[in-house]
Amino acid sequence: MNYKYYNTNHNGQDDYGLKCINDQGYGLICKNYKLEFPPQHQDTQPGMEYLMTPRPIFNNPYYRGSGKLMNKVAIITGGDSGLGRAVAVGFVKEGAAVVIVYYNEHEDAKETKEFIEKLGGTCMLLAGDIKDQCFCDKIVEETMNKFGRIDVLVNGSAVQYQQKSLLDITDEQFDLTIKTNVYGMFYLTKRALKCMNPGSSIINVTSITTFKGEPELIDYVTSKGAIVGFTRSLATNLADKNIRVNAVSPGVFWTPLQPACWEAEKIPTLGSDAPMGRAGHPFEIAPLFIYLASDDSSYVTGQVMHINGGEYKG
């Protein structure tokens, strides 16, 4: 079945739902589509969670930790908001102290830290540019100075820009995307690795777009494909040291990256083509990161874990 977006329904009112085109070419409104996100766009990357409507759900109040990460220290890049915020909260519930690395989303980072401290957890914030090698040095140095160890590294920082054509991607944009999404991961992993002991875990964030091919995110998909290769090679390289390296490949989740990337009219239908008919919320992915960070996954390395509402079967 082919899909097409319409701006208005037959009454001239916006409903933003998916419309399917039948064999005769007539447009039909999908009655079972539920509007979750109104049109919205942010002009800055990587986006601000406090500006989103509705706010992403990052905490599952019914989740009860069992000490799976007790006394461990985790660095989470992009941990101020989105998936990273949910992961940080989940790690703290399991007993870890977290170092949240972010770019300039100060309001989001403050909210995350306050929430974690209300849970009784420990959180350190570090703001800076992950593309800067000196900042990566600072992340490791300050983490070691405060906690004396690094047990888990989550490489989640990323930017993505929607462009209709390869010809629209400037050299500057391509450079920014690759350096943020790939170089930053390389710089920080290389430095953190020197402080990681057997049993430690590295978790990289790739994307469903790597496996499906998103036509309007060519440079982003390229960067996320590189992360898959990096994950598999590094996992093999570190296997004899008992340091595990895995990747998580999210589908469409409601995070600041979405309104910061897509045109406003695309937001209401995000995730609607997945079999579950919706986008995910960050709290739904956090347990997978907990699994990969903990000893529960002691025999898991070099893997890419897919979580996407059934949209892609990996």
C-alpha atoms as a PDB file:
ATOM      1  CA  MET A   1       0.000   0.000   0.000  1.00  0.00           C
ATOM      2  CA  ASN A   2       1.267   3.455  -0.855  1.00  0.00           C
ATOM      3  CA  TYR A   3       1.087   6.320   1.615  1.00  0.00           C
ATOM      4  CA  LYS A   4       0.759  10.023   1.067  1.00  0.00           C
ATOM      5  CA  TYR A   5       0.380  12.979   3.399  1.00  0.00           C
ATOM      6  CA  TYR A   6      -2.411  15.516   3.076  1.00  0.00           C
ATOM      7  CA  ASN A   7      -2.530  18.831   4.898  1.00  0.00           C
ATOM      8  CA  THR A   8      -6.282  18.877   5.429  1.00  0.00           C
ATOM      9  CA  ASN A   9      -9.251  16.529   5.396  1.00  0.00           C
ATOM     10  CA  HIS A  10     -12.367  16.974   3.284  1.00  0.00           C
ATOM     11  CA  ASN A  11     -13.734  19.509   5.766  1.00  0.00           C
ATOM     12  CA  GLY A  12     -10.652  21.685   5.435  1.00  0.00           C
ATOM     13  CA  GLN A  13      -9.504  20.887   8.958  1.00  0.00           C
ATOM     14  CA  ASP A  14      -6.084  19.628   9.853  1.00  0.00           C
ATOM     15  CA  ASP A  15      -5.994  16.106  11.223  1.00  0.00           C
ATOM     16  CA  TYR A  16      -2.438  15.169  10.180  1.00  0.00           C
ATOM     17  CA  GLY A  17      -3.213  11.465  10.057  1.00  0.00           C
ATOM     18  CA  LEU A  18      -1.868   8.959   7.559  1.00  0.00           C
ATOM     19  CA  LYS A  19      -3.948   8.704   4.428  1.00  0.00           C
ATOM     20  CA  CYS A  20      -3.776   5.564   2.344  1.00  0.00           C
ATOM     21  CA  ILE A  21      -4.241   5.493  -1.427  1.00  0.00           C
ATOM     22  CA  ASN A  22      -6.346   2.649  -2.789  1.00  0.00           C
ATOM     23  CA  ASP A  23      -5.909   0.943  -6.156  1.00  0.00           C
ATOM     24  CA  GLN A  24      -8.166   3.477  -7.865  1.00  0.00           C
ATOM     25  CA  GLY A  25      -6.083   6.358  -6.571  1.00  0.00           C
ATOM     26  CA  TYR A  26      -8.603   7.606  -4.028  1.00  0.00           C
ATOM     27  CA  GLY A  27      -7.322   8.905  -0.702  1.00  0.00           C
ATOM     28  CA  LEU A  28      -8.771   7.331   2.424  1.00  0.00           C
ATOM     29  CA  ILE A  29      -8.364   8.517   5.993  1.00  0.00           C
ATOM     30  CA  CYS A  30      -6.967   5.857   8.316  1.00  0.00           C
ATOM     31  CA  LYS A  31      -9.592   5.962  11.041  1.00  0.00           C
ATOM     32  CA  ASN A  32      -7.538   3.932  13.502  1.00  0.00           C
ATOM     33  CA  TYR A  33      -4.608   6.339  13.512  1.00  0.00           C
ATOM     34  CA  LYS A  34      -4.195   8.107  16.844  1.00  0.00           C
ATOM     35  CA  LEU A  35      -2.652  11.559  16.818  1.00  0.00           C
ATOM     36  CA  GLU A  36      -0.004  11.740  19.555  1.00  0.00           C
ATOM     37  CA  PHE A  37       2.248  14.617  18.563  1.00  0.00           C
ATOM     38  CA  PRO A  38       1.069  17.956  17.168  1.00  0.00           C
ATOM     39  CA  PRO A  39       3.164  19.597  14.439  1.00  0.00           C
ATOM     40  CA  GLN A  40       6.252  21.278  15.866  1.00  0.00           C
ATOM     41  CA  HIS A  41       9.782  22.157  14.862  1.00  0.00           C
ATOM     42  CA  GLN A  42      12.890  23.401  16.633  1.00  0.00           C
ATOM     43  CA  ASP A  43      15.577  25.315  14.785  1.00  0.00           C
ATOM     44  CA  THR A  44      18.494  24.111  16.919  1.00  0.00           C
ATOM     45  CA  GLN A  45      20.280  20.778  17.183  1.00  0.00           C
ATOM     46  CA  PRO A  46      20.180  18.462  19.001  1.00  0.00           C
ATOM     47  CA  GLY A  47      16.875  19.838  20.338  1.00  0.00           C
ATOM     48  CA  MET A  48      15.387  20.765  23.706  1.00  0.00           C
ATOM     49  CA  GLU A  49      13.078  18.382  25.555  1.00  0.00           C
ATOM     50  CA  TYR A  50      11.501  21.065  27.721  1.00  0.00           C
ATOM     51  CA  LEU A  51      10.058  22.689  24.576  1.00  0.00           C
ATOM     52  CA  MET A  52       8.351  19.528  23.291  1.00  0.00           C
ATOM     53  CA  THR A  53       4.587  18.940  23.268  1.00  0.00           C
ATOM     54  CA  PRO A  54       3.815  16.493  24.739  1.00  0.00           C
ATOM     55  CA  ARG A  55       6.879  15.816  26.832  1.00  0.00           C
ATOM     56  CA  PRO A  56       8.504  12.402  26.249  1.00  0.00           C
ATOM     57  CA  ILE A  57       7.844   9.773  28.915  1.00  0.00           C
ATOM     58  CA  PHE A  58      11.238   8.906  30.363  1.00  0.00           C
ATOM     59  CA  ASN A  59      10.364   7.260  33.669  1.00  0.00           C
ATOM     60  CA  ASN A  60       8.425   4.092  34.390  1.00  0.00           C
ATOM     61  CA  PRO A  61       7.255   4.545  37.989  1.00  0.00           C
ATOM     62  CA  TYR A  62       6.533   0.813  38.249  1.00  0.00           C
ATOM     63  CA  TYR A  63      10.105  -0.221  37.448  1.00  0.00           C
ATOM     64  CA  ARG A  64      11.894  -1.480  40.533  1.00  0.00           C
ATOM     65  CA  GLY A  65      15.655  -1.880  40.451  1.00  0.00           C
ATOM     66  CA  SER A  66      17.405  -4.925  41.874  1.00  0.00           C
ATOM     67  CA  GLY A  67      20.960  -3.668  42.193  1.00  0.00           C
ATOM     68  CA  LYS A  68      22.144  -4.852  38.781  1.00  0.00           C
ATOM     69  CA  LEU A  69      24.483  -1.854  38.461  1.00  0.00           C
ATOM     70  CA  MET A  70      25.254  -1.336  42.128  1.00  0.00           C
ATOM     71  CA  ASN A  71      28.389   0.757  42.724  1.00  0.00           C
ATOM     72  CA  LYS A  72      29.076   1.076  39.007  1.00  0.00           C
ATOM     73  CA  VAL A  73      29.816   4.346  37.218  1.00  0.00           C
ATOM     74  CA  ALA A  74      28.338   5.110  33.808  1.00  0.00           C
ATOM     75  CA  ILE A  75      29.144   7.873  31.343  1.00  0.00           C
ATOM     76  CA  ILE A  76      26.182   8.693  29.111  1.00  0.00           C
ATOM     77  CA  THR A  77      26.648  11.136  26.238  1.00  0.00           C
ATOM     78  CA  GLY A  78      23.382  12.803  25.317  1.00  0.00           C
ATOM     79  CA  GLY A  79      22.131  11.854  28.772  1.00  0.00           C
ATOM     80  CA  ASP A  80      20.365  15.146  29.409  1.00  0.00           C
ATOM     81  CA  SER A  81      17.227  14.254  27.446  1.00  0.00           C
ATOM     82  CA  GLY A  82      15.520  11.758  25.159  1.00  0.00           C
ATOM     83  CA  LEU A  83      16.761   8.188  25.271  1.00  0.00           C
ATOM     84  CA  GLY A  84      19.794   9.235  27.297  1.00  0.00           C
ATOM     85  CA  ARG A  85      17.660  10.686  30.086  1.00  0.00           C
ATOM     86  CA  ALA A  86      15.638   7.487  30.343  1.00  0.00           C
ATOM     87  CA  VAL A  87      18.810   5.405  30.381  1.00  0.00           C
ATOM     88  CA  ALA A  88      20.334   7.583  33.102  1.00  0.00           C
ATOM     89  CA  VAL A  89      17.232   7.210  35.274  1.00  0.00           C
ATOM     90  CA  GLY A  90      17.171   3.453  34.709  1.00  0.00           C
ATOM     91  CA  PHE A  91      20.858   3.088  35.576  1.00  0.00           C
ATOM     92  CA  VAL A  92      20.378   5.054  38.800  1.00  0.00           C
ATOM     93  CA  LYS A  93      17.444   2.862  39.800  1.00  0.00           C
ATOM     94  CA  GLU A  94      19.798  -0.103  39.434  1.00  0.00           C
ATOM     95  CA  GLY A  95      22.414   1.499  41.698  1.00  0.00           C
ATOM     96  CA  ALA A  96      24.809   3.255  39.306  1.00  0.00           C
ATOM     97  CA  ALA A  97      26.229   6.749  39.542  1.00  0.00           C
ATOM     98  CA  VAL A  98      25.917   8.578  36.231  1.00  0.00           C
ATOM     99  CA  VAL A  99      27.965  11.183  34.397  1.00  0.00           C
ATOM    100  CA  ILE A 100      25.729  13.009  31.940  1.00  0.00           C
ATOM    101  CA  VAL A 101      27.541  14.569  28.990  1.00  0.00           C
ATOM    102  CA  TYR A 102      25.631  17.083  26.895  1.00  0.00           C
ATOM    103  CA  TYR A 103      26.182  19.963  24.487  1.00  0.00           C
ATOM    104  CA  ASN A 104      24.199  23.046  25.503  1.00  0.00           C
ATOM    105  CA  GLU A 105      20.809  21.765  26.685  1.00  0.00           C
ATOM    106  CA  HIS A 106      21.281  23.226  30.167  1.00  0.00           C
ATOM    107  CA  GLU A 107      17.600  23.307  31.150  1.00  0.00           C
ATOM    108  CA  ASP A 108      17.117  19.661  30.188  1.00  0.00           C
ATOM    109  CA  ALA A 109      20.287  18.606  31.992  1.00  0.00           C
ATOM    110  CA  LYS A 110      19.214  20.440  35.131  1.00  0.00           C
ATOM    111  CA  GLU A 111      15.837  18.683  35.082  1.00  0.00           C
ATOM    112  CA  THR A 112      17.476  15.290  34.672  1.00  0.00           C
ATOM    113  CA  LYS A 113      19.915  15.866  37.513  1.00  0.00           C
ATOM    114  CA  GLU A 114      17.155  17.046  39.830  1.00  0.00           C
ATOM    115  CA  PHE A 115      15.018  14.010  39.016  1.00  0.00           C
ATOM    116  CA  ILE A 116      17.910  11.621  39.638  1.00  0.00           C
ATOM    117  CA  GLU A 117      18.753  13.265  42.945  1.00  0.00           C
ATOM    118  CA  LYS A 118      15.119  12.951  44.036  1.00  0.00           C
ATOM    119  CA  LEU A 119      15.530   9.225  43.458  1.00  0.00           C
ATOM    120  CA  GLY A 120      18.524   9.319  45.795  1.00  0.00           C
ATOM    121  CA  GLY A 121      21.003   8.877  42.974  1.00  0.00           C
ATOM    122  CA  THR A 122      24.293  10.541  42.117  1.00  0.00           C
ATOM    123  CA  CYS A 123      24.665  12.552  38.917  1.00  0.00           C
ATOM    124  CA  MET A 124      27.465  14.737  37.541  1.00  0.00           C
ATOM    125  CA  LEU A 125      26.859  17.056  34.581  1.00  0.00           C
ATOM    126  CA  LEU A 126      29.502  17.905  31.990  1.00  0.00           C
ATOM    127  CA  ALA A 127      28.684  20.326  29.167  1.00  0.00           C
ATOM    128  CA  GLY A 128      30.800  20.601  26.045  1.00  0.00           C
ATOM    129  CA  ASP A 129      31.407  19.605  22.448  1.00  0.00           C
ATOM    130  CA  ILE A 130      31.943  15.871  21.974  1.00  0.00           C
ATOM    131  CA  LYS A 131      33.812  16.631  18.726  1.00  0.00           C
ATOM    132  CA  ASP A 132      36.561  18.265  20.792  1.00  0.00           C
ATOM    133  CA  GLN A 133      39.271  15.822  21.854  1.00  0.00           C
ATOM    134  CA  CYS A 134      40.185  18.022  24.813  1.00  0.00           C
ATOM    135  CA  PHE A 135      36.610  17.859  26.076  1.00  0.00           C
ATOM    136  CA  CYS A 136      36.717  14.064  25.820  1.00  0.00           C
ATOM    137  CA  ASP A 137      39.883  14.141  27.912  1.00  0.00           C
ATOM    138  CA  LYS A 138      38.028  16.273  30.457  1.00  0.00           C
ATOM    139  CA  ILE A 139      35.105  13.828  30.621  1.00  0.00           C
ATOM    140  CA  VAL A 140      37.376  10.934  31.538  1.00  0.00           C
ATOM    141  CA  GLU A 141      39.556  12.966  33.895  1.00  0.00           C
ATOM    142  CA  GLU A 142      36.664  14.430  35.868  1.00  0.00           C
ATOM    143  CA  THR A 143      34.883  11.089  36.058  1.00  0.00           C
ATOM    144  CA  MET A 144      37.989   9.390  37.412  1.00  0.00           C
ATOM    145  CA  ASN A 145      38.682  12.253  39.830  1.00  0.00           C
ATOM    146  CA  LYS A 146      35.179  12.071  41.288  1.00  0.00           C
ATOM    147  CA  PHE A 147      34.403   8.356  41.129  1.00  0.00           C
ATOM    148  CA  GLY A 148      37.708   6.592  40.492  1.00  0.00           C
ATOM    149  CA  ARG A 149      36.282   4.198  37.892  1.00  0.00           C
ATOM    150  CA  ILE A 150      34.390   3.837  34.609  1.00  0.00           C
ATOM    151  CA  ASP A 151      32.266   0.707  34.212  1.00  0.00           C
ATOM    152  CA  VAL A 152      29.812   1.642  31.470  1.00  0.00           C
ATOM    153  CA  LEU A 153      30.073   3.981  28.496  1.00  0.00           C
ATOM    154  CA  VAL A 154      26.965   4.869  26.493  1.00  0.00           C
ATOM    155  CA  ASN A 155      27.730   6.731  23.269  1.00  0.00           C
ATOM    156  CA  GLY A 156      24.416   8.390  22.507  1.00  0.00           C
ATOM    157  CA  SER A 157      25.182  11.928  21.330  1.00  0.00           C
ATOM    158  CA  ALA A 158      24.019  12.614  17.775  1.00  0.00           C
ATOM    159  CA  VAL A 159      22.650  15.158  15.347  1.00  0.00           C
ATOM    160  CA  GLN A 160      20.505  14.592  12.271  1.00  0.00           C
ATOM    161  CA  TYR A 161      19.363  16.986   9.559  1.00  0.00           C
ATOM    162  CA  GLN A 162      16.555  16.415   7.079  1.00  0.00           C
ATOM    163  CA  GLN A 163      17.513  17.087   3.464  1.00  0.00           C
ATOM    164  CA  LYS A 164      15.449  16.167   0.419  1.00  0.00           C
ATOM    165  CA  SER A 165      18.459  15.377  -1.773  1.00  0.00           C
ATOM    166  CA  LEU A 166      22.131  14.505  -1.538  1.00  0.00           C
ATOM    167  CA  LEU A 167      22.722  17.759  -3.440  1.00  0.00           C
ATOM    168  CA  ASP A 168      21.222  19.667  -0.512  1.00  0.00           C
ATOM    169  CA  ILE A 169      23.747  18.297   1.986  1.00  0.00           C
ATOM    170  CA  THR A 170      26.554  20.810   2.290  1.00  0.00           C
ATOM    171  CA  ASP A 171      30.110  19.745   2.960  1.00  0.00           C
ATOM    172  CA  GLU A 172      29.842  21.581   6.285  1.00  0.00           C
ATOM    173  CA  GLN A 173      26.735  19.636   7.312  1.00  0.00           C
ATOM    174  CA  PHE A 174      28.291  16.302   6.347  1.00  0.00           C
ATOM    175  CA  ASP A 175      31.411  17.171   8.308  1.00  0.00           C
ATOM    176  CA  LEU A 176      29.383  18.187  11.366  1.00  0.00           C
ATOM    177  CA  THR A 177      27.246  15.043  11.303  1.00  0.00           C
ATOM    178  CA  ILE A 178      30.156  12.635  10.929  1.00  0.00           C
ATOM    179  CA  LYS A 179      32.313  14.372  13.511  1.00  0.00           C
ATOM    180  CA  THR A 180      29.532  14.546  16.085  1.00  0.00           C
ATOM    181  CA  ASN A 181      28.160  11.053  15.593  1.00  0.00           C
ATOM    182  CA  VAL A 182      31.359   9.120  14.794  1.00  0.00           C
ATOM    183  CA  TYR A 183      34.443  11.086  15.812  1.00  0.00           C
ATOM    184  CA  GLY A 184      32.954  11.928  19.212  1.00  0.00           C
ATOM    185  CA  MET A 185      32.291   8.242  19.877  1.00  0.00           C
ATOM    186  CA  PHE A 186      35.800   7.313  18.752  1.00  0.00           C
ATOM    187  CA  TYR A 187      37.515  10.006  20.830  1.00  0.00           C
ATOM    188  CA  LEU A 188      35.644   9.246  24.045  1.00  0.00           C
ATOM    189  CA  THR A 189      35.752   5.466  23.742  1.00  0.00           C
ATOM    190  CA  LYS A 190      39.494   5.529  23.127  1.00  0.00           C
ATOM    191  CA  ARG A 191      40.076   7.592  26.248  1.00  0.00           C
ATOM    192  CA  ALA A 192      37.586   5.813  28.508  1.00  0.00           C
ATOM    193  CA  LEU A 193      38.890   2.401  27.499  1.00  0.00           C
ATOM    194  CA  LYS A 194      42.148   3.039  29.342  1.00  0.00           C
ATOM    195  CA  CYS A 195      40.163   3.197  32.589  1.00  0.00           C
ATOM    196  CA  MET A 196      37.804   0.260  32.000  1.00  0.00           C
ATOM    197  CA  ASN A 197      38.341  -3.122  33.631  1.00  0.00           C
ATOM    198  CA  PRO A 198      37.198  -6.625  32.670  1.00  0.00           C
ATOM    199  CA  GLY A 199      33.429  -6.846  32.936  1.00  0.00           C
ATOM    200  CA  SER A 200      32.908  -3.304  31.658  1.00  0.00           C
ATOM    201  CA  SER A 201      30.402  -2.509  28.934  1.00  0.00           C
ATOM    202  CA  ILE A 202      30.369  -0.109  25.976  1.00  0.00           C
ATOM    203  CA  ILE A 203      26.992   0.595  24.384  1.00  0.00           C
ATOM    204  CA  ASN A 204      26.759   2.535  21.129  1.00  0.00           C
ATOM    205  CA  VAL A 205      23.547   3.945  19.682  1.00  0.00           C
ATOM    206  CA  THR A 206      22.942   3.301  15.999  1.00  0.00           C
ATOM    207  CA  SER A 207      19.555   3.582  14.252  1.00  0.00           C
ATOM    208  CA  ILE A 208      16.889   1.694  12.341  1.00  0.00           C
ATOM    209  CA  THR A 209      17.687   4.038   9.455  1.00  0.00           C
ATOM    210  CA  THR A 210      20.978   2.184   8.960  1.00  0.00           C
ATOM    211  CA  PHE A 211      19.112  -0.998   8.094  1.00  0.00           C
ATOM    212  CA  LYS A 212      16.179   0.502   6.184  1.00  0.00           C
ATOM    213  CA  GLY A 213      17.847   3.465   4.467  1.00  0.00           C
ATOM    214  CA  GLU A 214      16.134   6.795   5.183  1.00  0.00           C
ATOM    215  CA  PRO A 215      16.201   8.834   1.946  1.00  0.00           C
ATOM    216  CA  GLU A 216      16.164  12.217   3.683  1.00  0.00           C
ATOM    217  CA  LEU A 217      18.877  11.440   6.263  1.00  0.00           C
ATOM    218  CA  ILE A 218      21.753  10.319   4.046  1.00  0.00           C
ATOM    219  CA  ASP A 219      24.605  11.713   6.121  1.00  0.00           C
ATOM    220  CA  TYR A 220      23.001  10.583   9.389  1.00  0.00           C
ATOM    221  CA  VAL A 221      22.485   7.054   8.064  1.00  0.00           C
ATOM    222  CA  THR A 222      26.106   6.994   6.908  1.00  0.00           C
ATOM    223  CA  SER A 223      27.266   7.883  10.422  1.00  0.00           C
ATOM    224  CA  LYS A 224      25.025   5.301  12.060  1.00  0.00           C
ATOM    225  CA  GLY A 225      26.287   2.620   9.675  1.00  0.00           C
ATOM    226  CA  ALA A 226      29.825   3.456  10.752  1.00  0.00           C
ATOM    227  CA  ILE A 227      28.765   2.916  14.367  1.00  0.00           C
ATOM    228  CA  VAL A 228      27.634  -0.622  13.548  1.00  0.00           C
ATOM    229  CA  GLY A 229      31.011  -1.431  12.004  1.00  0.00           C
ATOM    230  CA  PHE A 230      32.870   0.171  14.912  1.00  0.00           C
ATOM    231  CA  THR A 231      30.805  -1.834  17.402  1.00  0.00           C
ATOM    232  CA  ARG A 232      31.390  -5.196  15.745  1.00  0.00           C
ATOM    233  CA  SER A 233      35.112  -4.681  15.209  1.00  0.00           C
ATOM    234  CA  LEU A 234      35.785  -3.295  18.671  1.00  0.00           C
ATOM    235  CA  ALA A 235      33.786  -6.103  20.268  1.00  0.00           C
ATOM    236  CA  THR A 236      35.984  -8.691  18.598  1.00  0.00           C
ATOM    237  CA  ASN A 237      39.108  -6.739  19.486  1.00  0.00           C
ATOM    238  CA  LEU A 238      38.195  -6.531  23.186  1.00  0.00           C
ATOM    239  CA  ALA A 239      36.594  -9.938  23.660  1.00  0.00           C
ATOM    240  CA  ASP A 240      39.690 -11.477  25.252  1.00  0.00           C
ATOM    241  CA  LYS A 241      39.765  -8.592  27.743  1.00  0.00           C
ATOM    242  CA  ASN A 242      36.164  -9.306  28.752  1.00  0.00           C
ATOM    243  CA  ILE A 243      35.003  -5.822  27.819  1.00  0.00           C
ATOM    244  CA  ARG A 244      31.736  -6.101  25.957  1.00  0.00           C
ATOM    245  CA  VAL A 245      30.720  -3.800  23.096  1.00  0.00           C
ATOM    246  CA  ASN A 246      27.175  -3.763  21.759  1.00  0.00           C
ATOM    247  CA  ALA A 247      24.841  -1.408  19.930  1.00  0.00           C
ATOM    248  CA  VAL A 248      21.194  -0.463  20.304  1.00  0.00           C
ATOM    249  CA  SER A 249      19.257   0.348  17.148  1.00  0.00           C
ATOM    250  CA  PRO A 250      16.137   2.337  18.018  1.00  0.00           C
ATOM    251  CA  GLY A 251      13.242   2.831  15.682  1.00  0.00           C
ATOM    252  CA  VAL A 252      11.207   6.020  15.928  1.00  0.00           C
ATOM    253  CA  PHE A 253      11.148   7.332  19.494  1.00  0.00           C
ATOM    254  CA  TRP A 254       9.678  10.589  20.707  1.00  0.00           C
ATOM    255  CA  THR A 255      12.832  12.526  21.577  1.00  0.00           C
ATOM    256  CA  PRO A 256      14.137  16.075  20.958  1.00  0.00           C
ATOM    257  CA  LEU A 257      15.975  14.813  17.883  1.00  0.00           C
ATOM    258  CA  GLN A 258      12.632  14.486  16.061  1.00  0.00           C
ATOM    259  CA  PRO A 259      11.332  18.091  16.164  1.00  0.00           C
ATOM    260  CA  ALA A 260      14.903  19.353  15.786  1.00  0.00           C
ATOM    261  CA  CYS A 261      15.219  17.436  12.515  1.00  0.00           C
ATOM    262  CA  TRP A 262      11.901  17.001  10.741  1.00  0.00           C
ATOM    263  CA  GLU A 263       9.605  19.551   9.210  1.00  0.00           C
ATOM    264  CA  ALA A 264       6.627  20.226  11.456  1.00  0.00           C
ATOM    265  CA  GLU A 265       4.085  18.486   9.206  1.00  0.00           C
ATOM    266  CA  LYS A 266       5.895  15.137   9.513  1.00  0.00           C
ATOM    267  CA  ILE A 267       5.824  15.022  13.311  1.00  0.00           C
ATOM    268  CA  PRO A 268       2.215  13.787  13.831  1.00  0.00           C
ATOM    269  CA  THR A 269       2.766  10.601  11.825  1.00  0.00           C
ATOM    270  CA  LEU A 270       6.138   9.599  13.304  1.00  0.00           C
ATOM    271  CA  GLY A 271       6.198   5.868  13.955  1.00  0.00           C
ATOM    272  CA  SER A 272       2.756   5.285  12.461  1.00  0.00           C
ATOM    273  CA  ASP A 273       4.093   2.890   9.817  1.00  0.00           C
ATOM    274  CA  ALA A 274       5.390   0.466  12.468  1.00  0.00           C
ATOM    275  CA  PRO A 275       3.173  -2.579  13.083  1.00  0.00           C
ATOM    276  CA  MET A 276       2.433  -1.245  16.572  1.00  0.00           C
ATOM    277  CA  GLY A 277       1.225   1.962  14.930  1.00  0.00           C
ATOM    278  CA  ARG A 278       3.081   4.460  17.073  1.00  0.00           C
ATOM    279  CA  ALA A 279       6.423   5.912  18.093  1.00  0.00           C
ATOM    280  CA  GLY A 280       8.109   4.664  21.218  1.00  0.00           C
ATOM    281  CA  HIS A 281       8.733   6.625  24.382  1.00  0.00           C
ATOM    282  CA  PRO A 282      12.199   6.684  25.966  1.00  0.00           C
ATOM    283  CA  PHE A 283      11.232   4.693  29.064  1.00  0.00           C
ATOM    284  CA  GLU A 284      10.462   1.725  26.798  1.00  0.00           C
ATOM    285  CA  ILE A 285      14.074   1.384  25.674  1.00  0.00           C
ATOM    286  CA  ALA A 286      15.874   1.920  28.995  1.00  0.00           C
ATOM    287  CA  PRO A 287      15.631  -1.738  30.180  1.00  0.00           C
ATOM    288  CA  LEU A 288      17.574  -2.867  27.110  1.00  0.00           C
ATOM    289  CA  PHE A 289      20.453  -0.575  28.049  1.00  0.00           C
ATOM    290  CA  ILE A 290      20.301  -1.879  31.618  1.00  0.00           C
ATOM    291  CA  TYR A 291      20.566  -5.430  30.294  1.00  0.00           C
ATOM    292  CA  LEU A 292      23.587  -4.604  28.138  1.00  0.00           C
ATOM    293  CA  ALA A 293      25.278  -2.661  30.952  1.00  0.00           C
ATOM    294  CA  SER A 294      24.796  -5.367  33.568  1.00  0.00           C
ATOM    295  CA  ASP A 295      26.173  -8.846  34.089  1.00  0.00           C
ATOM    296  CA  ASP A 296      22.901 -10.239  32.715  1.00  0.00           C
ATOM    297  CA  SER A 297      24.510  -9.858  29.278  1.00  0.00           C
ATOM    298  CA  SER A 298      27.886 -11.329  30.245  1.00  0.00           C
ATOM    299  CA  TYR A 299      27.948 -13.514  27.099  1.00  0.00           C
ATOM    300  CA  VAL A 300      26.672 -10.842  24.725  1.00  0.00           C
ATOM    301  CA  THR A 301      29.073  -8.800  22.612  1.00  0.00           C
ATOM    302  CA  GLY A 302      29.243  -7.475  19.057  1.00  0.00           C
ATOM    303  CA  GLN A 303      25.457  -7.466  18.792  1.00  0.00           C
ATOM    304  CA  VAL A 304      22.997  -4.899  17.464  1.00  0.00           C
ATOM    305  CA  MET A 305      19.749  -4.921  19.433  1.00  0.00           C
ATOM    306  CA  HIS A 306      16.672  -3.714  17.557  1.00  0.00           C
ATOM    307  CA  ILE A 307      13.735  -2.065  19.292  1.00  0.00           C
ATOM    308  CA  ASN A 308      11.262  -0.461  16.905  1.00  0.00           C
ATOM    309  CA  GLY A 309       7.668  -1.613  17.411  1.00  0.00           C
ATOM    310  CA  GLY A 310       8.100  -4.299  14.744  1.00  0.00           C
ATOM    311  CA  GLU A 311       9.024  -1.899  11.943  1.00  0.00           C
ATOM    312  CA  TYR A 312      12.261  -3.710  11.155  1.00  0.00           C
ATOM    313  CA  LYS A 313      12.967  -7.357  11.900  1.00  0.00           C
ATOM    314  CA  GLY A 314      16.722  -7.557  12.528  1.00  0.00           C
END
